[in-house]
Amino acid sequence: MKKILVILGHPRKDSLCGVLAAGYAEAARVAGAEVRELALAVLSFDIVLHAGYTAEQPLEPCLAAAQQDILWAEHPVFVYPTWWGGLPALLKGFIDRVFLPGFAFKYRKDSPWWDRLLGGCSARLLVTMDTPPWYYRWVYRMPGHQQMRRTVLEYCGIKPVRISSFGIVKSSTALRLGKWLEAARRAGREDA
């Protein structure tokens, strides 16, 4: 039974991202996976890493629990919107506070290299956007996708990272929304 952690990075649970996250989680459970869900909007934590890595900032209990969920998971799934080409502040702050040295990676003494501490699992991103996905890919070169895939997840050892993009949200129809929900469910079944 695969262990899947679905992390909703939208500041509203009643968003399209919330619907996609719930559809993914439900389908993965039905397909036999053990699924935990984490909605960042309901957590109470400071999104600012005030001193960077120069001083320790104690984790709020919900972030300590989130770290345990991440260690438990074999397949984290992040569901979030693309805002200004990248991650919403809530998700970025969560990553800044949770994916810390000593937990997600470890710097090597006197070396530019690091150890990836979260290896051995895969991930999926379900990302909504108001930019046409083809434009985001070929013109903008997918800055948010690259950030999550390369400089967060793969940096910490999580790979492969599969990405599903859903857009254009602002002009979508009920039919298109239904197809996106089915795509999220299909991804949940495939990942289980």
Foldseek 3Di string as FASTA:
>chain_A
DAEEEEEEQELDCPDLLVLLSVLLQVLLVVLPYHYDYHYLNPDDDDLDPDPQPPDDDDDDPVLVVVLVSLLVHQEYEYGAEQDPLAGDSSVNSSLSNRCDAVRQWHDDPPDPAIGQQSARHEYEYEYEYLDPPVCSCPPVVRPHVCCCQPVRQVSNHHDDYYYDYHDNPVPDDPVSSVVSSVVSSVVSSVVD
